[in-house]
Protein backbone atom coordinates (compact mmCIF):
# COMPACT_ATOMS: atom_id res chain seq x y z
CA MET A 1 -2.85 -20.48 4.64
CA THR A 2 -6.31 -21.31 4.20
CA VAL A 3 -7.93 -19.14 6.22
CA LYS A 4 -6.01 -16.06 4.77
CA MET A 5 -6.92 -17.04 1.22
CA SER A 6 -10.74 -17.57 2.74
CA ASN A 7 -10.20 -14.41 3.64
CA ARG A 8 -9.59 -12.74 0.12
CA ARG A 9 -11.53 -14.57 -2.06
CA ALA A 10 -14.18 -13.28 0.50
CA SER A 11 -13.25 -9.72 0.31
CA ARG A 12 -12.94 -9.63 -3.20
CA LEU A 13 -16.47 -10.76 -3.64
CA ALA A 14 -17.35 -8.08 -1.05
CA ARG A 15 -16.29 -5.56 -3.58
CA VAL A 16 -18.25 -7.49 -6.13
CA LEU A 17 -21.54 -6.95 -4.56
CA GLY A 18 -20.11 -3.92 -3.07
CA GLY A 19 -19.97 -2.27 -6.78
CA ASP A 20 -15.89 -1.69 -6.57
CA PRO A 21 -15.66 -0.10 -9.98
CA LEU A 22 -11.98 -1.72 -9.98
CA ALA A 23 -13.19 -5.10 -9.67
CA TRP A 24 -16.23 -4.61 -12.24
CA GLY A 25 -13.78 -3.30 -14.66
CA TYR A 26 -11.31 -6.30 -13.59
CA ILE A 27 -14.21 -8.82 -14.94
CA ARG A 28 -15.47 -6.64 -18.21
CA ARG A 29 -11.69 -7.11 -19.11
CA ARG A 30 -11.55 -10.74 -18.49
CA ILE A 31 -14.46 -11.40 -20.58
CA ILE A 32 -13.38 -9.38 -23.19
CA PHE A 33 -10.06 -11.17 -22.98
CA GLU A 34 -11.87 -14.78 -23.22
CA VAL A 35 -13.86 -13.92 -26.18
CA CYS A 36 -11.48 -12.19 -28.06
CA ARG A 37 -8.13 -13.94 -27.18
CA PRO A 38 -8.08 -16.60 -30.48
CA PHE A 39 -8.43 -13.79 -32.79
CA LYS A 40 -5.91 -11.75 -31.69
CA ARG A 41 -3.35 -14.43 -31.22
CA LEU A 42 -3.81 -15.26 -34.91
CA LEU A 43 -3.47 -11.81 -36.26
CA PHE A 44 -0.52 -11.38 -34.53
CA TRP A 45 0.97 -14.54 -35.49
CA PHE A 46 0.60 -13.32 -39.21
CA SER A 47 1.65 -10.01 -38.59
CA SER A 48 4.64 -11.01 -36.27
CA GLY A 49 6.09 -13.91 -37.92
CA GLY A 50 5.23 -16.48 -36.24
CA GLN A 51 5.03 -14.70 -32.80
CA ASP A 52 2.62 -16.07 -30.22
CA LEU A 53 0.97 -12.72 -28.62
CA ASP A 54 0.03 -15.19 -25.49
CA ILE A 55 3.80 -15.52 -24.80
CA VAL A 56 4.60 -11.33 -25.07
CA ASP A 57 1.68 -9.96 -23.65
CA PRO A 58 -0.80 -12.80 -22.29
CA TYR A 59 -3.80 -10.81 -21.06
CA HIS A 60 -4.02 -9.07 -24.25
CA LEU A 61 -3.95 -5.56 -22.91
CA SER A 62 -1.53 -3.60 -24.01
CA PHE A 63 -1.70 -1.14 -26.24
CA ARG A 64 0.00 -1.87 -29.40
CA SER A 65 -1.96 -0.14 -32.51
CA ALA A 66 0.02 2.43 -34.28
CA ALA A 67 -2.47 3.53 -36.71
CA GLY A 68 -2.04 6.99 -37.01
CA ARG A 69 1.15 7.59 -35.55
CA ARG A 70 3.93 8.89 -37.53
CA ARG A 71 6.98 6.51 -37.37
CA VAL A 72 10.88 7.92 -37.63
CA SER A 73 13.53 6.31 -38.81
CA ASP A 74 16.21 3.94 -36.26
CA SER A 75 18.92 5.71 -37.16
CA LEU A 76 17.81 8.81 -35.01
CA PHE A 77 18.90 6.59 -32.35
CA VAL A 78 22.09 5.88 -32.55
CA ALA A 79 24.14 5.97 -29.49
CA SER A 80 24.86 9.44 -28.55
CA PRO A 81 25.67 11.18 -25.07
CA ALA A 82 22.63 13.78 -26.71
CA THR A 83 20.35 10.77 -26.95
CA ALA A 84 18.28 8.49 -24.33
CA VAL A 85 16.95 5.38 -24.44
CA VAL A 86 14.60 4.73 -21.44
CA LEU A 87 13.10 0.83 -20.70
CA GLY A 88 10.08 1.28 -18.02
CA LEU A 89 9.29 -1.94 -16.73
CA GLY A 90 6.85 -2.49 -13.76
CA GLN A 91 3.19 -2.37 -12.76
CA SER A 92 1.06 0.29 -13.62
CA ASN A 93 1.40 3.52 -12.68
CA ILE A 94 4.28 3.20 -15.31
CA ALA A 95 2.02 1.79 -17.89
CA ASN A 96 -0.84 3.47 -19.81
CA GLU A 97 -2.71 3.05 -16.27
CA CYS A 98 -2.85 6.13 -14.85
CA ASP A 99 -5.48 9.55 -15.44
CA PRO A 100 -7.94 8.83 -18.80
CA ALA A 101 -8.40 12.60 -19.04
CA GLY A 102 -4.60 13.67 -18.90
CA LEU A 103 -3.54 12.45 -22.34
CA LEU A 104 0.03 14.71 -23.20
CA GLU A 105 1.72 14.58 -27.09
CA PRO A 106 4.88 15.99 -25.98
CA LYS A 107 6.71 19.18 -27.34
CA GLY A 108 10.67 18.53 -28.76
CA GLU A 109 12.23 15.26 -29.76
CA VAL A 110 10.42 12.49 -27.76
CA TYR A 111 9.82 9.06 -29.35
CA ASN A 112 8.56 5.65 -28.35
CA PHE A 113 9.79 2.18 -29.31
CA ASN A 114 7.07 -0.47 -29.93
CA PHE A 115 8.17 -4.13 -28.95
CA PHE A 116 5.25 -5.27 -30.91
CA ASP A 117 6.30 -3.93 -34.13
CA GLY A 118 9.52 -3.37 -33.53
CA ARG A 119 9.10 0.12 -34.70
CA CYS A 120 9.98 4.25 -33.45
CA TYR A 121 7.17 6.59 -33.29
CA ALA A 122 6.56 9.80 -32.55
CA ALA A 123 5.13 9.55 -28.82
CA LYS A 124 2.34 10.47 -27.06
CA ASP A 125 0.03 8.74 -25.00
CA PRO A 126 -1.53 6.48 -24.77
CA LEU A 127 2.10 5.02 -25.47
CA LEU A 128 2.83 2.18 -27.71
CA GLY A 129 3.78 -0.99 -25.25
CA ALA A 130 2.19 -0.46 -22.04
CA SER A 131 -0.79 -1.82 -20.69
CA LEU A 132 -4.14 -0.45 -21.20
CA ALA A 133 -4.86 3.36 -23.43
CA GLN A 134 -4.56 5.96 -20.67
CA SER A 135 -1.60 8.71 -19.97
CA ASN A 136 1.87 7.30 -19.11
CA VAL A 137 4.33 9.27 -16.98
CA LEU A 138 7.35 8.49 -19.39
CA THR A 139 5.41 10.32 -21.58
CA ARG A 140 5.79 13.55 -19.27
CA LEU A 141 9.37 12.69 -17.76
CA GLY A 142 10.00 12.62 -22.15
CA GLU A 143 9.25 15.78 -22.37
CA LEU A 144 10.94 17.10 -19.05
CA LEU A 145 14.33 15.29 -20.10
CA VAL A 146 14.36 17.47 -23.47
CA GLU A 147 12.21 20.63 -22.35
CA ARG A 148 14.92 20.96 -19.85
CA GLY A 149 18.44 19.98 -21.77
CA SER A 150 19.35 16.66 -20.55
CA PHE A 151 19.30 15.32 -23.88
CA SER A 152 18.61 16.12 -27.16
CA ARG A 153 16.08 13.32 -27.71
CA VAL A 154 14.33 10.32 -25.64
CA LEU A 155 13.18 7.18 -27.20
CA LEU A 156 10.83 5.85 -24.50
CA VAL A 157 10.32 1.80 -24.16
CA PRO A 158 7.81 1.24 -21.99
CA ILE A 159 6.84 -2.77 -21.47
CA ALA A 160 4.72 -2.13 -18.01
CA HIS A 161 1.83 -4.05 -17.21
CA GLY A 162 -0.33 -3.08 -14.09
CA GLY A 163 -1.12 -5.65 -11.00
CA THR A 164 2.17 -7.41 -11.91
CA TYR A 165 4.66 -9.12 -9.02
CA ALA A 166 8.22 -8.92 -9.16
CA SER A 167 8.32 -12.75 -9.59
CA GLU A 168 6.32 -12.21 -12.94
CA TRP A 169 9.70 -9.98 -14.00
CA SER A 170 12.22 -12.66 -13.16
CA PRO A 171 13.13 -15.44 -15.13
CA GLY A 172 10.45 -17.64 -15.23
CA GLY A 173 8.33 -15.07 -14.82
CA LYS A 174 4.69 -14.66 -17.03
CA MET A 175 6.36 -11.44 -17.99
CA PHE A 176 9.93 -12.38 -18.65
CA PRO A 177 9.42 -12.86 -22.44
CA ARG A 178 7.76 -9.62 -22.86
CA LEU A 179 10.99 -8.00 -21.75
CA GLN A 180 13.22 -10.51 -24.09
CA TRP A 181 11.13 -9.88 -26.93
CA ALA A 182 11.65 -5.70 -26.31
CA LEU A 183 15.71 -6.66 -26.21
CA ASP A 184 15.42 -8.56 -28.51
CA ARG A 185 14.07 -5.92 -31.60
CA LEU A 186 16.04 -3.03 -29.47
CA ARG A 187 18.92 -5.35 -30.34
CA GLU A 188 18.20 -6.02 -34.28
CA ARG A 189 18.53 -2.57 -34.15
CA ARG A 190 21.13 -1.65 -32.79
CA ILE A 191 19.57 0.71 -30.13
CA LYS A 192 21.56 0.79 -26.57
CA ILE A 193 18.99 1.24 -23.69
CA THR A 194 20.25 4.17 -21.47
CA HIS A 195 18.31 4.11 -18.55
CA VAL A 196 16.08 1.04 -17.03
CA LEU A 197 13.32 2.38 -15.06
CA TRP A 198 11.72 0.34 -12.23
CA GLN A 199 8.55 0.98 -10.70
CA GLN A 200 6.97 -1.68 -9.14
CA GLY A 201 5.92 -3.05 -5.75
CA GLU A 202 2.30 -2.17 -4.85
CA ALA A 203 0.77 -5.76 -5.65
CA GLU A 204 3.30 -7.27 -3.17
CA ALA A 205 2.54 -4.32 -0.49
CA GLY A 206 -1.45 -5.25 -0.70
CA GLN A 207 -0.41 -8.38 0.65
CA ASP A 208 -1.34 -9.43 4.40
CA ASP A 209 2.30 -10.38 4.92
CA PRO A 210 4.24 -9.31 2.04
CA ASP A 211 7.84 -11.83 1.04
CA THR A 212 10.14 -9.10 1.39
CA GLN A 213 13.05 -11.93 0.58
CA ALA A 214 11.35 -13.06 -2.50
CA TRP A 215 11.10 -9.25 -3.83
CA VAL A 216 14.71 -8.95 -4.05
CA ARG A 217 15.65 -12.38 -5.19
CA ASN A 218 12.84 -11.44 -8.04
CA PHE A 219 14.33 -8.24 -8.94
CA MET A 220 17.97 -9.74 -8.67
CA ALA A 221 17.29 -11.77 -11.37
CA MET A 222 15.79 -9.65 -13.10
CA ALA A 223 18.16 -7.31 -13.16
CA ASN A 224 21.08 -10.19 -13.47
CA ALA A 225 19.24 -11.15 -16.51
CA LEU A 226 19.17 -7.75 -18.22
CA ARG A 227 23.09 -7.70 -17.84
CA ILE A 228 23.29 -10.85 -19.11
CA ALA A 229 21.29 -9.26 -22.21
CA GLY A 230 24.21 -6.97 -22.50
CA VAL A 231 22.03 -3.88 -20.92
CA ASP A 232 25.03 -2.67 -18.59
CA ALA A 233 22.56 0.92 -18.32
CA ALA A 234 22.01 2.27 -14.61
CA ILE A 235 18.92 0.31 -13.46
CA TYR A 236 16.69 2.98 -11.56
CA VAL A 237 14.40 1.53 -8.41
CA ALA A 238 11.72 3.85 -6.77
CA GLN A 239 10.30 3.59 -3.62
CA CYS A 240 6.34 2.40 -5.13
CA THR A 241 3.84 0.65 -2.30
CA VAL A 242 0.61 3.14 -2.73
CA CYS A 243 -2.51 1.93 -4.21
CA CYS A 244 -5.22 2.32 -2.14
CA ASN A 245 -3.40 1.75 1.30
CA ASP A 246 -0.62 3.36 3.28
CA PRO A 247 3.03 3.12 2.33
CA ASN A 248 3.98 -0.69 2.91
CA GLU A 249 7.31 0.01 4.69
CA ALA A 250 8.79 -3.96 3.88
CA ILE A 251 8.30 -3.37 0.64
CA ARG A 252 9.83 0.15 0.78
CA SER A 253 12.89 -1.49 2.56
CA ALA A 254 13.04 -4.18 -0.44
CA GLN A 255 13.65 -1.42 -2.93
CA ARG A 256 15.88 0.24 -0.73
CA LYS A 257 18.18 -3.16 -0.07
CA VAL A 258 18.97 -3.46 -3.59
CA VAL A 259 20.57 -0.53 -4.78
CA ASP A 260 23.93 -1.19 -5.16
CA PRO A 261 25.84 2.18 -6.92
CA ALA A 262 28.73 -0.26 -7.87
CA ALA A 263 26.21 -2.36 -9.90
CA GLY A 264 24.55 0.36 -11.23
CA ILE A 265 21.56 -0.56 -9.34
CA LEU A 266 20.47 3.48 -8.44
CA PRO A 267 17.66 4.79 -6.50
CA GLY A 268 14.74 6.20 -8.44
CA PRO A 269 12.17 8.41 -6.80
CA ASP A 270 9.93 7.82 -3.91
CA VAL A 271 6.52 7.97 -5.89
CA ASP A 272 4.87 6.94 -2.49
CA LEU A 273 5.09 10.84 -1.52
CA ILE A 274 2.66 11.26 -4.28
CA GLY A 275 -0.72 10.80 -1.74
CA ARG A 276 -4.20 9.70 -2.91
CA ASP A 277 -5.52 13.30 -3.49
CA GLU A 278 -3.35 13.46 -6.47
CA ARG A 279 -3.80 9.90 -7.73
CA TYR A 280 -7.54 9.75 -9.59
CA ASP A 281 -8.96 6.62 -8.01
CA GLY A 282 -7.14 6.54 -4.83
CA CYS A 283 -4.24 4.06 -7.00
CA HIS A 284 -3.34 5.57 -10.23
CA LEU A 285 -2.40 8.86 -10.63
CA SER A 286 -4.04 11.86 -11.44
CA ALA A 287 -2.87 14.56 -14.30
CA VAL A 288 -1.62 16.28 -11.38
CA GLY A 289 0.50 13.22 -10.09
CA LEU A 290 1.86 12.55 -13.14
CA GLN A 291 3.56 16.04 -13.70
CA ARG A 292 4.71 15.69 -10.27
CA ALA A 293 6.00 11.52 -10.33
CA ALA A 294 7.53 13.17 -13.53
CA ALA A 295 9.55 15.61 -12.15
CA LEU A 296 10.67 13.08 -9.17
CA TRP A 297 11.87 10.91 -11.72
CA TYR A 298 13.95 13.92 -13.49
CA GLU A 299 15.57 14.13 -9.94
CA ALA A 300 16.40 11.10 -9.64
CA LEU A 301 18.20 10.90 -13.27
CA ASN A 302 20.11 14.00 -12.43
CA ARG A 303 21.28 13.16 -9.07
CA ASP A 304 24.96 13.98 -8.85
CA ASP A 305 25.26 10.30 -7.94
CA ALA A 306 23.64 9.17 -11.09
CA VAL A 307 25.76 10.19 -13.22
CA LEU A 308 27.22 6.29 -13.57
CA THR A 309 26.47 5.89 -17.91
CA SER A 310 26.53 2.88 -19.53
CA THR A 311 30.39 3.76 -20.83
CA GLU A 312 31.17 3.85 -17.50
CA LEU A 313 29.80 1.17 -15.94
CA THR A 314 31.25 -1.15 -18.72
CA SER A 315 34.53 0.27 -18.08
CA THR A 316 34.52 -0.92 -13.93
CA ASP A 317 33.35 -4.87 -15.07
């Protein structure tokens, strides 16, 4: 174990000394974080009524400024077959960390729930709630769902954060309070989630010897927490392990293993089908890759075996 840790540290140092833009980007973000942290925490504490920003956004990397955004009424999202409320969580490729040149303002009734202030806005990249300030696959998916007539309106609830592990989303992890806070804000406004999109696994896939059993346990703990919180929507699990590496079959197998239609856990898209040539930095999706990923998500949500509505799931309890 000590040898592995030393090798990893040496590898990170080599990346920094070699001028790796991802490594230097991380260092730059850490410096900014430490300088701005106390001021951001204090401002958020006042604006949120006493919530600690470090709890819901531990690295202060989420996009949450609604300045210039058109606010809409919560009443638009009363539970209806014509309305989809899509919770997106996981890692960077379902956060605002995709092509910086691929920003999209979708056509049609696509909206964005900002879990930081509990309000709804017209959607556009970068989406309110997810990490960083670039493009997001959910924006394109929302447009497809409306454009192709699956729903009249879509409310996107993006809380994904780049670089996170499954353990961080399970109870006790750093990202779990973020999930709880988002669910509480939705519940206060009587907005019911209809789809949960889980796209996570690249972090573990980059490890030398990933613990697949731990990945399964952490995912199931997170899924169980959603059910306890009253979320009875289907949970779609993507196949996703590529980030400057080849697909990792060990993690892909774990992602398939948790699928259980009887429990409302359904297969999502195989995002690993999108190669490095459709990822602007070899990891994060380019504009072309985003469009392809959105189409894959659309197909997953519209398969014949994905017809379990939240009402049907509730009736089987």
